[in-house]
Amino acid sequence: MAVQGAGVIVSSHDLAEAERCSRAALLAEGRVVASGTPDEIARDTSGTAFLLSGADARRLQESVDRTAGVIASYPQGASLRIVADPEAAAALDALANANNLNFSRAAMRLEDAVLAFSKQS
């Protein structure tokens, strides 16, 4: 129906599904906290996404989660995806270096934005 020009409203907790929508709105406690295209929401979020990769990167999840400024971390393949305040980058980079892992900034996704907004609520 949307292809034919009809407006379609979808309510979903499935963020992969929501990323396919042309526009999205994030709600927290009944209030809209962000709206726009999924890419706009992800880009305009205050958090930053990082990727910790290398042999056994996922084993450091507890240490990562205890790092000041980290909002959340979750597995992404063999790597660990991290959503954090930008100020956490130096501590996370030091943790990566101490464990011979790669640490890089990643593009924010809608899922990352939701995690960052959940911290603000």
PDB file of N, CA and C in Angstrom:
ATOM      1  N   MET A   1       0.817  -1.192   0.000  1.00  0.00           N
ATOM      2  CA  MET A   1       0.000   0.000   0.000  1.00  0.00           C
ATOM      3  C   MET A   1       0.862   1.257   0.000  1.00  0.00           C
ATOM      4  N   ALA A   2       1.956   1.233   0.754  1.00  0.00           N
ATOM      5  CA  ALA A   2       2.817   2.409   0.814  1.00  0.00           C
ATOM      6  C   ALA A   2       3.421   2.715  -0.550  1.00  0.00           C
ATOM      7  N   VAL A   3       3.747   1.675  -1.321  1.00  0.00           N
ATOM      8  CA  VAL A   3       4.299   1.865  -2.658  1.00  0.00           C
ATOM      9  C   VAL A   3       3.306   2.598  -3.550  1.00  0.00           C
ATOM     10  N   GLN A   4       2.018   2.390  -3.303  1.00  0.00           N
ATOM     11  CA  GLN A   4       0.974   3.040  -4.091  1.00  0.00           C
ATOM     12  C   GLN A   4       0.650   4.440  -3.577  1.00  0.00           C
ATOM     13  N   GLY A   5       1.372   4.892  -2.542  1.00  0.00           N
ATOM     14  CA  GLY A   5       1.196   6.247  -2.053  1.00  0.00           C
ATOM     15  C   GLY A   5       0.370   6.379  -0.797  1.00  0.00           C
ATOM     16  N   ALA A   6      -0.123   5.281  -0.266  1.00  0.00           N
ATOM     17  CA  ALA A   6      -0.926   5.349   0.958  1.00  0.00           C
ATOM     18  C   ALA A   6      -0.014   5.542   2.165  1.00  0.00           C
ATOM     19  N   GLY A   7      -0.479   6.302   3.125  1.00  0.00           N
ATOM     20  CA  GLY A   7       0.242   6.437   4.381  1.00  0.00           C
ATOM     21  C   GLY A   7      -0.016   5.222   5.245  1.00  0.00           C
ATOM     22  N   VAL A   8       1.032   4.660   5.801  1.00  0.00           N
ATOM     23  CA  VAL A   8       0.901   3.470   6.635  1.00  0.00           C
ATOM     24  C   VAL A   8       1.607   3.739   7.954  1.00  0.00           C
ATOM     25  N   ILE A   9       0.933   3.504   9.045  1.00  0.00           N
ATOM     26  CA  ILE A   9       1.539   3.677  10.364  1.00  0.00           C
ATOM     27  C   ILE A   9       1.810   2.288  10.929  1.00  0.00           C
ATOM     28  N   VAL A  10       3.050   2.079  11.344  1.00  0.00           N
ATOM     29  CA  VAL A  10       3.466   0.804  11.908  1.00  0.00           C
ATOM     30  C   VAL A  10       3.955   1.065  13.326  1.00  0.00           C
ATOM     31  N   SER A  11       3.466   0.302  14.259  1.00  0.00           N
ATOM     32  CA  SER A  11       3.960   0.364  15.629  1.00  0.00           C
ATOM     33  C   SER A  11       4.721  -0.932  15.877  1.00  0.00           C
ATOM     34  N   SER A  12       6.011  -0.802  16.192  1.00  0.00           N
ATOM     35  CA  SER A  12       6.828  -2.007  16.295  1.00  0.00           C
ATOM     36  C   SER A  12       7.970  -1.821  17.281  1.00  0.00           C
ATOM     37  N   HIS A  13       8.330  -2.888  17.940  1.00  0.00           N
ATOM     38  CA  HIS A  13       9.536  -2.900  18.759  1.00  0.00           C
ATOM     39  C   HIS A  13      10.701  -3.473  17.960  1.00  0.00           C
ATOM     40  N   ASP A  14      10.435  -3.954  16.749  1.00  0.00           N
ATOM     41  CA  ASP A  14      11.446  -4.547  15.878  1.00  0.00           C
ATOM     42  C   ASP A  14      12.166  -3.426  15.135  1.00  0.00           C
ATOM     43  N   LEU A  15      13.372  -3.098  15.570  1.00  0.00           N
ATOM     44  CA  LEU A  15      14.082  -1.960  15.001  1.00  0.00           C
ATOM     45  C   LEU A  15      14.570  -2.227  13.584  1.00  0.00           C
ATOM     46  N   ALA A  16      14.821  -3.477  13.233  1.00  0.00           N
ATOM     47  CA  ALA A  16      15.179  -3.798  11.848  1.00  0.00           C
ATOM     48  C   ALA A  16      14.011  -3.460  10.924  1.00  0.00           C
ATOM     49  N   GLU A  17      12.805  -3.739  11.393  1.00  0.00           N
ATOM     50  CA  GLU A  17      11.606  -3.391  10.635  1.00  0.00           C
ATOM     51  C   GLU A  17      11.453  -1.873  10.562  1.00  0.00           C
ATOM     52  N   ALA A  18      11.668  -1.195  11.668  1.00  0.00           N
ATOM     53  CA  ALA A  18      11.517   0.260  11.712  1.00  0.00           C
ATOM     54  C   ALA A  18      12.539   0.967  10.818  1.00  0.00           C
ATOM     55  N   GLU A  19      13.730   0.382  10.656  1.00  0.00           N
ATOM     56  CA  GLU A  19      14.746   0.998   9.797  1.00  0.00           C
ATOM     57  C   GLU A  19      14.325   1.023   8.331  1.00  0.00           C
ATOM     58  N   ARG A  20      13.368   0.198   7.950  1.00  0.00           N
ATOM     59  CA  ARG A  20      12.881   0.169   6.563  1.00  0.00           C
ATOM     60  C   ARG A  20      11.795   1.218   6.301  1.00  0.00           C
ATOM     61  N   CYS A  21      11.333   1.870   7.348  1.00  0.00           N
ATOM     62  CA  CYS A  21      10.284   2.888   7.201  1.00  0.00           C
ATOM     63  C   CYS A  21      10.898   4.191   6.678  1.00  0.00           C
ATOM     64  N   SER A  22      10.082   4.973   5.993  1.00  0.00           N
ATOM     65  CA  SER A  22      10.589   6.245   5.476  1.00  0.00           C
ATOM     66  C   SER A  22      10.729   7.280   6.593  1.00  0.00           C
ATOM     67  N   ARG A  23       9.898   7.186   7.605  1.00  0.00           N
ATOM     68  CA  ARG A  23       9.981   8.072   8.773  1.00  0.00           C
ATOM     69  C   ARG A  23       9.685   7.249  10.013  1.00  0.00           C
ATOM     70  N   ALA A  24      10.226   7.694  11.138  1.00  0.00           N
ATOM     71  CA  ALA A  24      10.020   6.984  12.395  1.00  0.00           C
ATOM     72  C   ALA A  24       9.892   7.996  13.526  1.00  0.00           C
ATOM     73  N   ALA A  25       9.269   7.571  14.590  1.00  0.00           N
ATOM     74  CA  ALA A  25       9.182   8.383  15.811  1.00  0.00           C
ATOM     75  C   ALA A  25       9.493   7.459  16.978  1.00  0.00           C
ATOM     76  N   LEU A  26      10.361   7.919  17.869  1.00  0.00           N
ATOM     77  CA  LEU A  26      10.672   7.167  19.075  1.00  0.00           C
ATOM     78  C   LEU A  26       9.865   7.747  20.222  1.00  0.00           C
ATOM     79  N   LEU A  27       9.210   6.880  20.964  1.00  0.00           N
ATOM     80  CA  LEU A  27       8.383   7.299  22.085  1.00  0.00           C
ATOM     81  C   LEU A  27       9.015   6.841  23.391  1.00  0.00           C
ATOM     82  N   ALA A  28       8.942   7.677  24.394  1.00  0.00           N
ATOM     83  CA  ALA A  28       9.374   7.324  25.749  1.00  0.00           C
ATOM     84  C   ALA A  28       8.335   7.884  26.704  1.00  0.00           C
ATOM     85  N   GLU A  29       7.743   7.002  27.490  1.00  0.00           N
ATOM     86  CA  GLU A  29       6.718   7.390  28.449  1.00  0.00           C
ATOM     87  C   GLU A  29       5.602   8.199  27.781  1.00  0.00           C
ATOM     88  N   GLY A  30       5.208   7.774  26.571  1.00  0.00           N
ATOM     89  CA  GLY A  30       4.109   8.410  25.866  1.00  0.00           C
ATOM     90  C   GLY A  30       4.446   9.703  25.149  1.00  0.00           C
ATOM     91  N   ARG A  31       5.723  10.086  25.168  1.00  0.00           N
ATOM     92  CA  ARG A  31       6.142  11.329  24.503  1.00  0.00           C
ATOM     93  C   ARG A  31       7.060  11.004  23.333  1.00  0.00           C
ATOM     94  N   VAL A  32       6.964  11.763  22.264  1.00  0.00           N
ATOM     95  CA  VAL A  32       7.886  11.617  21.134  1.00  0.00           C
ATOM     96  C   VAL A  32       9.217  12.256  21.542  1.00  0.00           C
ATOM     97  N   VAL A  33      10.276  11.460  21.555  1.00  0.00           N
ATOM     98  CA  VAL A  33      11.598  11.978  21.924  1.00  0.00           C
ATOM     99  C   VAL A  33      12.479  12.201  20.701  1.00  0.00           C
ATOM    100  N   ALA A  34      12.098  11.615  19.567  1.00  0.00           N
ATOM    101  CA  ALA A  34      12.840  11.824  18.328  1.00  0.00           C
ATOM    102  C   ALA A  34      11.948  11.438  17.164  1.00  0.00           C
ATOM    103  N   SER A  35      12.113  12.141  16.060  1.00  0.00           N
ATOM    104  CA  SER A  35      11.371  11.779  14.857  1.00  0.00           C
ATOM    105  C   SER A  35      12.174  12.203  13.638  1.00  0.00           C
ATOM    106  N   GLY A  36      11.900  11.542  12.536  1.00  0.00           N
ATOM    107  CA  GLY A  36      12.589  11.817  11.281  1.00  0.00           C
ATOM    108  C   GLY A  36      12.827  10.513  10.557  1.00  0.00           C
ATOM    109  N   THR A  37      13.705  10.535   9.584  1.00  0.00           N
ATOM    110  CA  THR A  37      14.055   9.280   8.937  1.00  0.00           C
ATOM    111  C   THR A  37      14.889   8.477   9.936  1.00  0.00           C
ATOM    112  N   PRO A  38      14.941   7.167   9.807  1.00  0.00           N
ATOM    113  CA  PRO A  38      15.789   6.395  10.719  1.00  0.00           C
ATOM    114  C   PRO A  38      17.244   6.888  10.725  1.00  0.00           C
ATOM    115  N   ASP A  39      17.762   7.267   9.551  1.00  0.00           N
ATOM    116  CA  ASP A  39      19.137   7.785   9.491  1.00  0.00           C
ATOM    117  C   ASP A  39      19.276   9.111  10.228  1.00  0.00           C
ATOM    118  N   GLU A  40      18.277   9.985  10.113  1.00  0.00           N
ATOM    119  CA  GLU A  40      18.319  11.276  10.817  1.00  0.00           C
ATOM    120  C   GLU A  40      18.294  11.063  12.325  1.00  0.00           C
ATOM    121  N   ILE A  41      17.449  10.170  12.781  1.00  0.00           N
ATOM    122  CA  ILE A  41      17.365   9.901  14.217  1.00  0.00           C
ATOM    123  C   ILE A  41      18.704   9.383  14.726  1.00  0.00           C
ATOM    124  N   ALA A  42      19.283   8.439  13.999  1.00  0.00           N
ATOM    125  CA  ALA A  42      20.574   7.870  14.412  1.00  0.00           C
ATOM    126  C   ALA A  42      21.669   8.927  14.412  1.00  0.00           C
ATOM    127  N   ARG A  43      21.708   9.751  13.387  1.00  0.00           N
ATOM    128  CA  ARG A  43      22.749  10.779  13.250  1.00  0.00           C
ATOM    129  C   ARG A  43      22.633  11.867  14.309  1.00  0.00           C
ATOM    130  N   ASP A  44      21.407  12.224  14.691  1.00  0.00           N
ATOM    131  CA  ASP A  44      21.186  13.341  15.604  1.00  0.00           C
ATOM    132  C   ASP A  44      21.192  12.941  17.082  1.00  0.00           C
ATOM    133  N   THR A  45      21.524  11.704  17.355  1.00  0.00           N
ATOM    134  CA  THR A  45      21.562  11.213  18.732  1.00  0.00           C
ATOM    135  C   THR A  45      22.849  11.666  19.412  1.00  0.00           C
ATOM    136  N   SER A  46      22.786  11.922  20.701  1.00  0.00           N
ATOM    137  CA  SER A  46      23.966  12.394  21.422  1.00  0.00           C
ATOM    138  C   SER A  46      25.014  11.301  21.629  1.00  0.00           C
ATOM    139  N   GLY A  47      24.644  10.044  21.562  1.00  0.00           N
ATOM    140  CA  GLY A  47      25.602   8.961  21.749  1.00  0.00           C
ATOM    141  C   GLY A  47      26.474   8.747  20.529  1.00  0.00           C
ATOM    142  N   THR A  48      27.501   7.940  20.723  1.00  0.00           N
ATOM    143  CA  THR A  48      28.434   7.582  19.658  1.00  0.00           C
ATOM    144  C   THR A  48      28.561   6.065  19.645  1.00  0.00           C
ATOM    145  N   ALA A  49      28.680   5.493  18.459  1.00  0.00           N
ATOM    146  CA  ALA A  49      28.840   4.045  18.344  1.00  0.00           C
ATOM    147  C   ALA A  49      30.302   3.713  18.062  1.00  0.00           C
ATOM    148  N   PHE A  50      30.762   2.642  18.683  1.00  0.00           N
ATOM    149  CA  PHE A  50      32.122   2.154  18.487  1.00  0.00           C
ATOM    150  C   PHE A  50      32.063   0.658  18.235  1.00  0.00           C
ATOM    151  N   LEU A  51      33.132   0.136  17.647  1.00  0.00           N
ATOM    152  CA  LEU A  51      33.234  -1.288  17.416  1.00  0.00           C
ATOM    153  C   LEU A  51      34.558  -1.770  17.982  1.00  0.00           C
ATOM    154  N   LEU A  52      34.499  -2.774  18.838  1.00  0.00           N
ATOM    155  CA  LEU A  52      35.672  -3.416  19.421  1.00  0.00           C
ATOM    156  C   LEU A  52      35.793  -4.768  18.734  1.00  0.00           C
ATOM    157  N   SER A  53      36.881  -4.979  18.017  1.00  0.00           N
ATOM    158  CA  SER A  53      37.001  -6.210  17.252  1.00  0.00           C
ATOM    159  C   SER A  53      38.388  -6.823  17.401  1.00  0.00           C
ATOM    160  N   GLY A  54      38.441  -8.099  17.105  1.00  0.00           N
ATOM    161  CA  GLY A  54      39.667  -8.866  17.227  1.00  0.00           C
ATOM    162  C   GLY A  54      39.356 -10.147  17.975  1.00  0.00           C
ATOM    163  N   ALA A  55      40.371 -10.956  18.167  1.00  0.00           N
ATOM    164  CA  ALA A  55      40.187 -12.240  18.843  1.00  0.00           C
ATOM    165  C   ALA A  55      39.597 -12.048  20.236  1.00  0.00           C
ATOM    166  N   ASP A  56      38.484 -12.670  20.480  1.00  0.00           N
ATOM    167  CA  ASP A  56      37.822 -12.653  21.790  1.00  0.00           C
ATOM    168  C   ASP A  56      37.390 -11.266  22.264  1.00  0.00           C
ATOM    169  N   ALA A  57      37.057 -10.386  21.352  1.00  0.00           N
ATOM    170  CA  ALA A  57      36.622  -9.035  21.751  1.00  0.00           C
ATOM    171  C   ALA A  57      35.399  -9.102  22.655  1.00  0.00           C
ATOM    172  N   ARG A  58      34.509 -10.056  22.382  1.00  0.00           N
ATOM    173  CA  ARG A  58      33.261 -10.128  23.149  1.00  0.00           C
ATOM    174  C   ARG A  58      33.490 -10.513  24.607  1.00  0.00           C
ATOM    175  N   ARG A  59      34.630 -11.099  24.925  1.00  0.00           N
ATOM    176  CA  ARG A  59      34.884 -11.492  26.318  1.00  0.00           C
ATOM    177  C   ARG A  59      35.058 -10.284  27.234  1.00  0.00           C
ATOM    178  N   LEU A  60      35.271  -9.112  26.653  1.00  0.00           N
ATOM    179  CA  LEU A  60      35.472  -7.889  27.450  1.00  0.00           C
ATOM    180  C   LEU A  60      34.183  -7.128  27.716  1.00  0.00           C
ATOM    181  N   GLN A  61      33.042  -7.714  27.404  1.00  0.00           N
ATOM    182  CA  GLN A  61      31.788  -6.975  27.528  1.00  0.00           C
ATOM    183  C   GLN A  61      31.566  -6.446  28.942  1.00  0.00           C
ATOM    184  N   GLU A  62      31.853  -7.233  29.963  1.00  0.00           N
ATOM    185  CA  GLU A  62      31.647  -6.741  31.337  1.00  0.00           C
ATOM    186  C   GLU A  62      32.545  -5.555  31.635  1.00  0.00           C
ATOM    187  N   SER A  63      33.800  -5.617  31.203  1.00  0.00           N
ATOM    188  CA  SER A  63      34.731  -4.502  31.425  1.00  0.00           C
ATOM    189  C   SER A  63      34.273  -3.267  30.665  1.00  0.00           C
ATOM    190  N   VAL A  64      33.812  -3.461  29.448  1.00  0.00           N
ATOM    191  CA  VAL A  64      33.308  -2.346  28.641  1.00  0.00           C
ATOM    192  C   VAL A  64      32.110  -1.709  29.327  1.00  0.00           C
ATOM    193  N   ASP A  65      31.175  -2.535  29.777  1.00  0.00           N
ATOM    194  CA  ASP A  65      29.960  -2.010  30.407  1.00  0.00           C
ATOM    195  C   ASP A  65      30.247  -1.247  31.701  1.00  0.00           C
ATOM    196  N   ARG A  66      31.349  -1.554  32.361  1.00  0.00           N
ATOM    197  CA  ARG A  66      31.728  -0.842  33.590  1.00  0.00           C
ATOM    198  C   ARG A  66      32.472   0.463  33.305  1.00  0.00           C
ATOM    199  N   THR A  67      32.824   0.712  32.070  1.00  0.00           N
ATOM    200  CA  THR A  67      33.569   1.912  31.700  1.00  0.00           C
ATOM    201  C   THR A  67      32.647   3.132  31.779  1.00  0.00           C
ATOM    202  N   ALA A  68      33.120   4.175  32.423  1.00  0.00           N
ATOM    203  CA  ALA A  68      32.330   5.401  32.563  1.00  0.00           C
ATOM    204  C   ALA A  68      31.934   5.926  31.195  1.00  0.00           C
ATOM    205  N   GLY A  69      30.661   6.267  31.048  1.00  0.00           N
ATOM    206  CA  GLY A  69      30.162   6.830  29.808  1.00  0.00           C
ATOM    207  C   GLY A  69      29.580   5.815  28.845  1.00  0.00           C
ATOM    208  N   VAL A  70      29.752   4.525  29.129  1.00  0.00           N
ATOM    209  CA  VAL A  70      29.184   3.507  28.247  1.00  0.00           C
ATOM    210  C   VAL A  70      27.699   3.361  28.552  1.00  0.00           C
ATOM    211  N   ILE A  71      26.887   3.460  27.520  1.00  0.00           N
ATOM    212  CA  ILE A  71      25.440   3.331  27.660  1.00  0.00           C
ATOM    213  C   ILE A  71      25.034   1.874  27.544  1.00  0.00           C
ATOM    214  N   ALA A  72      25.596   1.174  26.551  1.00  0.00           N
ATOM    215  CA  ALA A  72      25.276  -0.235  26.333  1.00  0.00           C
ATOM    216  C   ALA A  72      26.303  -0.845  25.399  1.00  0.00           C
ATOM    217  N   SER A  73      26.380  -2.161  25.439  1.00  0.00           N
ATOM    218  CA  SER A  73      27.198  -2.876  24.466  1.00  0.00           C
ATOM    219  C   SER A  73      26.454  -4.152  24.102  1.00  0.00           C
ATOM    220  N   TYR A  74      26.670  -4.616  22.883  1.00  0.00           N
ATOM    221  CA  TYR A  74      26.022  -5.848  22.450  1.00  0.00           C
ATOM    222  C   TYR A  74      26.850  -6.491  21.338  1.00  0.00           C
ATOM    223  N   PRO A  75      26.760  -7.826  21.242  1.00  0.00           N
ATOM    224  CA  PRO A  75      27.534  -8.527  20.215  1.00  0.00           C
ATOM    225  C   PRO A  75      27.096  -8.135  18.810  1.00  0.00           C
ATOM    226  N   GLN A  76      28.062  -8.011  17.931  1.00  0.00           N
ATOM    227  CA  GLN A  76      27.815  -7.813  16.508  1.00  0.00           C
ATOM    228  C   GLN A  76      28.784  -8.749  15.795  1.00  0.00           C
ATOM    229  N   GLY A  77      28.292  -9.922  15.452  1.00  0.00           N
ATOM    230  CA  GLY A  77      29.178 -10.946  14.904  1.00  0.00           C
ATOM    231  C   GLY A  77      30.197 -11.321  15.968  1.00  0.00           C
ATOM    232  N   ALA A  78      31.463 -11.367  15.589  1.00  0.00           N
ATOM    233  CA  ALA A  78      32.521 -11.686  16.550  1.00  0.00           C
ATOM    234  C   ALA A  78      32.968 -10.450  17.320  1.00  0.00           C
ATOM    235  N   SER A  79      32.453  -9.291  16.959  1.00  0.00           N
ATOM    236  CA  SER A  79      32.848  -8.027  17.580  1.00  0.00           C
ATOM    237  C   SER A  79      31.876  -7.618  18.670  1.00  0.00           C
ATOM    238  N   LEU A  80      32.213  -6.530  19.336  1.00  0.00           N
ATOM    239  CA  LEU A  80      31.353  -5.953  20.357  1.00  0.00           C
ATOM    240  C   LEU A  80      31.023  -4.531  19.927  1.00  0.00           C
ATOM    241  N   ARG A  81      29.748  -4.244  19.760  1.00  0.00           N
ATOM    242  CA  ARG A  81      29.296  -2.902  19.391  1.00  0.00           C
ATOM    243  C   ARG A  81      29.003  -2.151  20.685  1.00  0.00           C
ATOM    244  N   ILE A  82      29.460  -0.908  20.753  1.00  0.00           N
ATOM    245  CA  ILE A  82      29.364  -0.119  21.987  1.00  0.00           C
ATOM    246  C   ILE A  82      28.672   1.206  21.673  1.00  0.00           C
ATOM    247  N   VAL A  83      27.709   1.576  22.493  1.00  0.00           N
ATOM    248  CA  VAL A  83      27.072   2.886  22.415  1.00  0.00           C
ATOM    249  C   VAL A  83      27.488   3.626  23.682  1.00  0.00           C
ATOM    250  N   ALA A  84      28.098   4.789  23.493  1.00  0.00           N
ATOM    251  CA  ALA A  84      28.657   5.499  24.643  1.00  0.00           C
ATOM    252  C   ALA A  84      28.628   7.000  24.415  1.00  0.00           C
ATOM    253  N   ASP A  85      28.859   7.725  25.488  1.00  0.00           N
ATOM    254  CA  ASP A  85      29.090   9.154  25.378  1.00  0.00           C
ATOM    255  C   ASP A  85      30.432   9.329  24.662  1.00  0.00           C
ATOM    256  N   PRO A  86      30.600  10.360  23.850  1.00  0.00           N
ATOM    257  CA  PRO A  86      31.865  10.545  23.125  1.00  0.00           C
ATOM    258  C   PRO A  86      33.093  10.590  24.041  1.00  0.00           C
ATOM    259  N   GLU A  87      32.905  11.063  25.270  1.00  0.00           N
ATOM    260  CA  GLU A  87      34.023  11.185  26.207  1.00  0.00           C
ATOM    261  C   GLU A  87      34.585   9.824  26.641  1.00  0.00           C
ATOM    262  N   ALA A  88      33.863   8.749  26.408  1.00  0.00           N
ATOM    263  CA  ALA A  88      34.321   7.419  26.806  1.00  0.00           C
ATOM    264  C   ALA A  88      35.338   6.843  25.831  1.00  0.00           C
ATOM    265  N   ALA A  89      35.532   7.485  24.702  1.00  0.00           N
ATOM    266  CA  ALA A  89      36.398   6.946  23.643  1.00  0.00           C
ATOM    267  C   ALA A  89      37.819   6.666  24.129  1.00  0.00           C
ATOM    268  N   ALA A  90      38.409   7.569  24.883  1.00  0.00           N
ATOM    269  CA  ALA A  90      39.797   7.388  25.320  1.00  0.00           C
ATOM    270  C   ALA A  90      39.935   6.164  26.224  1.00  0.00           C
ATOM    271  N   ALA A  91      39.027   5.995  27.166  1.00  0.00           N
ATOM    272  CA  ALA A  91      39.095   4.843  28.070  1.00  0.00           C
ATOM    273  C   ALA A  91      38.864   3.539  27.305  1.00  0.00           C
ATOM    274  N   LEU A  92      37.949   3.556  26.352  1.00  0.00           N
ATOM    275  CA  LEU A  92      37.682   2.354  25.562  1.00  0.00           C
ATOM    276  C   LEU A  92      38.864   2.022  24.655  1.00  0.00           C
ATOM    277  N   ASP A  93      39.500   3.045  24.102  1.00  0.00           N
ATOM    278  CA  ASP A  93      40.673   2.829  23.266  1.00  0.00           C
ATOM    279  C   ASP A  93      41.810   2.224  24.092  1.00  0.00           C
ATOM    280  N   ALA A  94      41.984   2.708  25.305  1.00  0.00           N
ATOM    281  CA  ALA A  94      43.024   2.164  26.191  1.00  0.00           C
ATOM    282  C   ALA A  94      42.732   0.697  26.533  1.00  0.00           C
ATOM    283  N   LEU A  95      41.475   0.374  26.779  1.00  0.00           N
ATOM    284  CA  LEU A  95      41.080  -1.009  27.060  1.00  0.00           C
ATOM    285  C   LEU A  95      41.375  -1.896  25.850  1.00  0.00           C
ATOM    286  N   ALA A  96      41.064  -1.396  24.664  1.00  0.00           N
ATOM    287  CA  ALA A  96      41.340  -2.156  23.437  1.00  0.00           C
ATOM    288  C   ALA A  96      42.835  -2.383  23.258  1.00  0.00           C
ATOM    289  N   ASN A  97      43.640  -1.339  23.440  1.00  0.00           N
ATOM    290  CA  ASN A  97      45.089  -1.457  23.281  1.00  0.00           C
ATOM    291  C   ASN A  97      45.684  -2.435  24.285  1.00  0.00           C
ATOM    292  N   ALA A  98      45.196  -2.397  25.516  1.00  0.00           N
ATOM    293  CA  ALA A  98      45.709  -3.302  26.558  1.00  0.00           C
ATOM    294  C   ALA A  98      45.401  -4.762  26.251  1.00  0.00           C
ATOM    295  N   ASN A  99      44.408  -5.001  25.401  1.00  0.00           N
ATOM    296  CA  ASN A  99      44.006  -6.370  25.069  1.00  0.00           C
ATOM    297  C   ASN A  99      44.262  -6.721  23.602  1.00  0.00           C
ATOM    298  N   ASN A 100      45.110  -5.938  22.928  1.00  0.00           N
ATOM    299  CA  ASN A 100      45.455  -6.173  21.519  1.00  0.00           C
ATOM    300  C   ASN A 100      44.229  -6.289  20.613  1.00  0.00           C
ATOM    301  N   LEU A 101      43.272  -5.404  20.805  1.00  0.00           N
ATOM    302  CA  LEU A 101      42.057  -5.404  20.009  1.00  0.00           C
ATOM    303  C   LEU A 101      41.979  -4.128  19.188  1.00  0.00           C
ATOM    304  N   ASN A 102      41.171  -4.159  18.156  1.00  0.00           N
ATOM    305  CA  ASN A 102      40.935  -2.981  17.324  1.00  0.00           C
ATOM    306  C   ASN A 102      39.747  -2.209  17.874  1.00  0.00           C
ATOM    307  N   PHE A 103      39.863  -0.909  17.870  1.00  0.00           N
ATOM    308  CA  PHE A 103      38.804  -0.040  18.363  1.00  0.00           C
ATOM    309  C   PHE A 103      38.561   1.038  17.322  1.00  0.00           C
ATOM    310  N   SER A 104      37.316   1.170  16.876  1.00  0.00           N
ATOM    311  CA  SER A 104      37.008   2.163  15.859  1.00  0.00           C
ATOM    312  C   SER A 104      35.617   2.742  16.077  1.00  0.00           C
ATOM    313  N   ARG A 105      35.431   3.912  15.522  1.00  0.00           N
ATOM    314  CA  ARG A 105      34.112   4.545  15.568  1.00  0.00           C
ATOM    315  C   ARG A 105      33.262   3.901  14.481  1.00  0.00           C
ATOM    316  N   ALA A 106      31.976   3.748  14.749  1.00  0.00           N
ATOM    317  CA  ALA A 106      31.050   3.151  13.785  1.00  0.00           C
ATOM    318  C   ALA A 106      29.894   4.113  13.556  1.00  0.00           C
ATOM    319  N   ALA A 107      29.237   3.971  12.427  1.00  0.00           N
ATOM    320  CA  ALA A 107      28.067   4.796  12.142  1.00  0.00           C
ATOM    321  C   ALA A 107      26.937   4.390  13.081  1.00  0.00           C
ATOM    322  N   MET A 108      26.255   5.376  13.619  1.00  0.00           N
ATOM    323  CA  MET A 108      25.119   5.099  14.492  1.00  0.00           C
ATOM    324  C   MET A 108      23.989   4.473  13.683  1.00  0.00           C
ATOM    325  N   ARG A 109      23.286   3.540  14.313  1.00  0.00           N
ATOM    326  CA  ARG A 109      22.104   2.910  13.729  1.00  0.00           C
ATOM    327  C   ARG A 109      20.911   3.260  14.601  1.00  0.00           C
ATOM    328  N   LEU A 110      19.725   2.978  14.093  1.00  0.00           N
ATOM    329  CA  LEU A 110      18.518   3.270  14.852  1.00  0.00           C
ATOM    330  C   LEU A 110      18.539   2.545  16.197  1.00  0.00           C
ATOM    331  N   GLU A 111      18.991   1.308  16.216  1.00  0.00           N
ATOM    332  CA  GLU A 111      19.076   0.554  17.464  1.00  0.00           C
ATOM    333  C   GLU A 111      19.974   1.260  18.476  1.00  0.00           C
ATOM    334  N   ASP A 112      21.086   1.814  18.010  1.00  0.00           N
ATOM    335  CA  ASP A 112      21.987   2.555  18.893  1.00  0.00           C
ATOM    336  C   ASP A 112      21.305   3.804  19.442  1.00  0.00           C
ATOM    337  N   ALA A 113      20.559   4.483  18.578  1.00  0.00           N
ATOM    338  CA  ALA A 113      19.842   5.698  18.998  1.00  0.00           C
ATOM    339  C   ALA A 113      18.826   5.384  20.084  1.00  0.00           C
ATOM    340  N   VAL A 114      18.120   4.276  19.930  1.00  0.00           N
ATOM    341  CA  VAL A 114      17.137   3.882  20.940  1.00  0.00           C
ATOM    342  C   VAL A 114      17.826   3.663  22.280  1.00  0.00           C
ATOM    343  N   LEU A 115      18.981   3.005  22.267  1.00  0.00           N
ATOM    344  CA  LEU A 115      19.723   2.785  23.510  1.00  0.00           C
ATOM    345  C   LEU A 115      20.158   4.114  24.124  1.00  0.00           C
ATOM    346  N   ALA A 116      20.639   5.032  23.302  1.00  0.00           N
ATOM    347  CA  ALA A 116      21.067   6.327  23.804  1.00  0.00           C
ATOM    348  C   ALA A 116      19.895   7.121  24.374  1.00  0.00           C
ATOM    349  N   PHE A 117      18.753   7.099  23.691  1.00  0.00           N
ATOM    350  CA  PHE A 117      17.572   7.811  24.198  1.00  0.00           C
ATOM    351  C   PHE A 117      17.043   7.166  25.473  1.00  0.00           C
ATOM    352  N   SER A 118      17.185   5.866  25.606  1.00  0.00           N
ATOM    353  CA  SER A 118      16.686   5.195  26.820  1.00  0.00           C
ATOM    354  C   SER A 118      17.468   5.647  28.043  1.00  0.00           C
ATOM    355  N   LYS A 119      18.725   6.017  27.866  1.00  0.00           N
ATOM    356  CA  LYS A 119      19.540   6.527  28.970  1.00  0.00           C
ATOM    357  C   LYS A 119      19.036   7.900  29.417  1.00  0.00           C
ATOM    358  N   GLN A 120      18.545   8.693  28.471  1.00  0.00           N
ATOM    359  CA  GLN A 120      18.082  10.049  28.770  1.00  0.00           C
ATOM    360  C   GLN A 120      16.757  10.062  29.485  1.00  0.00           C
ATOM    361  N   SER A 121      15.962   8.995  29.318  1.00  0.00           N
ATOM    362  CA  SER A 121      14.613   8.964  29.906  1.00  0.00           C
ATOM    363  C   SER A 121      14.638   8.715  31.380  1.00  0.00           C
TER     364      SER A 121
END
